[in-house]
């Protein structure tokens, strides 16, 4: 996928929130962290692949958009 498609496919805010980290303002600043955590990988052609762990963020975002997100687990 193209660079500008990433925010619409990955719930980047949720990921940083789960880690208790402040999300970088610019997407360009978040990319190295997302790559280091194996959520995405930049391909030789400049496009990005979403890896398995990143796919969990896609699934959660898609379910939430459809109103099907699982309720939060009790703590």
Protein backbone atom coordinates (compact mmCIF):
# COMPACT_ATOMS: atom_id res chain seq x y z
CA UNK A 1 0.00 0.00 0.00
CA UNK A 2 1.07 3.57 -0.46
CA UNK A 3 2.43 5.71 2.39
CA UNK A 4 -0.68 7.90 2.56
CA UNK A 5 -2.95 4.84 2.89
CA UNK A 6 -1.41 3.68 6.17
CA UNK A 7 -3.44 5.89 8.54
CA UNK A 8 -6.70 4.71 6.99
CA UNK A 9 -5.69 1.04 7.33
CA UNK A 10 -3.90 0.94 10.69
CA UNK A 11 -5.22 2.33 13.95
CA UNK A 12 -1.89 3.95 14.76
CA UNK A 13 -3.36 6.08 17.55
CA UNK A 14 -4.71 2.99 19.32
CA UNK A 15 -1.36 1.24 19.10
CA UNK A 16 0.55 4.12 20.65
CA UNK A 17 -2.21 4.48 23.24
CA UNK A 18 -1.98 0.82 24.24
CA UNK A 19 1.75 1.27 24.79
CA UNK A 20 1.19 4.45 26.76
CA UNK A 21 3.28 6.41 24.30
CA UNK A 22 2.59 9.75 22.70
CA UNK A 23 2.01 9.33 18.98
CA UNK A 24 4.37 11.42 16.86
CA UNK A 25 2.55 14.28 15.16
CA UNK A 26 3.86 13.44 11.69
CA UNK A 27 3.28 10.01 10.20
CA UNK A 28 6.85 10.08 8.89
CA UNK A 29 8.08 10.15 12.48
CA UNK A 30 5.93 7.17 13.48
CA UNK A 31 7.01 4.92 10.60
CA UNK A 32 10.42 3.90 11.98
CA UNK A 33 8.77 2.80 15.23
CA UNK A 34 6.06 0.85 13.38
CA UNK A 35 8.72 -0.86 11.26
CA UNK A 36 10.85 -1.65 14.32
CA UNK A 37 7.84 -3.22 16.03
CA UNK A 38 7.13 -5.34 12.90
CA UNK A 39 3.74 -3.79 12.19
CA UNK A 40 4.74 -2.70 8.71
CA UNK A 41 7.64 -3.22 6.32
CA UNK A 42 8.76 -0.93 3.54
CA UNK A 43 9.17 -2.81 0.30
CA UNK A 44 11.86 -2.22 -2.31
CA UNK A 45 9.32 -0.45 -4.53
CA UNK A 46 8.57 2.14 -1.81
CA UNK A 47 5.18 0.70 -0.89
CA UNK A 48 4.38 -0.76 2.53
CA UNK A 49 3.21 -4.17 3.65
CA UNK A 50 1.20 -4.70 6.82
CA UNK A 51 2.69 -7.58 8.78
CA UNK A 52 0.80 -10.02 11.02
CA UNK A 53 0.88 -7.92 14.18
CA UNK A 54 -0.17 -4.86 12.19
CA UNK A 55 -3.07 -6.84 10.75
CA UNK A 56 -4.55 -7.02 14.25
CA UNK A 57 -4.84 -3.23 14.22
CA UNK A 58 -6.52 -3.36 10.82
CA UNK A 59 -9.02 -5.94 12.06
CA UNK A 60 -9.87 -3.94 15.18
CA UNK A 61 -10.31 -0.74 13.16
CA UNK A 62 -12.52 -2.48 10.60
CA UNK A 63 -14.71 -4.03 13.30
CA UNK A 64 -15.03 -0.71 15.09
CA UNK A 65 -16.04 1.03 11.87
CA UNK A 66 -18.82 -1.52 11.48
CA UNK A 67 -19.92 -1.19 15.10
CA UNK A 68 -18.78 -4.73 15.81
CA UNK A 69 -15.79 -4.12 18.05
CA UNK A 70 -15.52 -6.43 21.02
CA UNK A 71 -16.25 -4.83 24.39
CA UNK A 72 -13.27 -4.06 26.59
CA UNK A 73 -12.25 -6.96 28.76
CA UNK A 74 -12.83 -6.51 32.48
CA UNK A 75 -9.72 -5.74 34.48
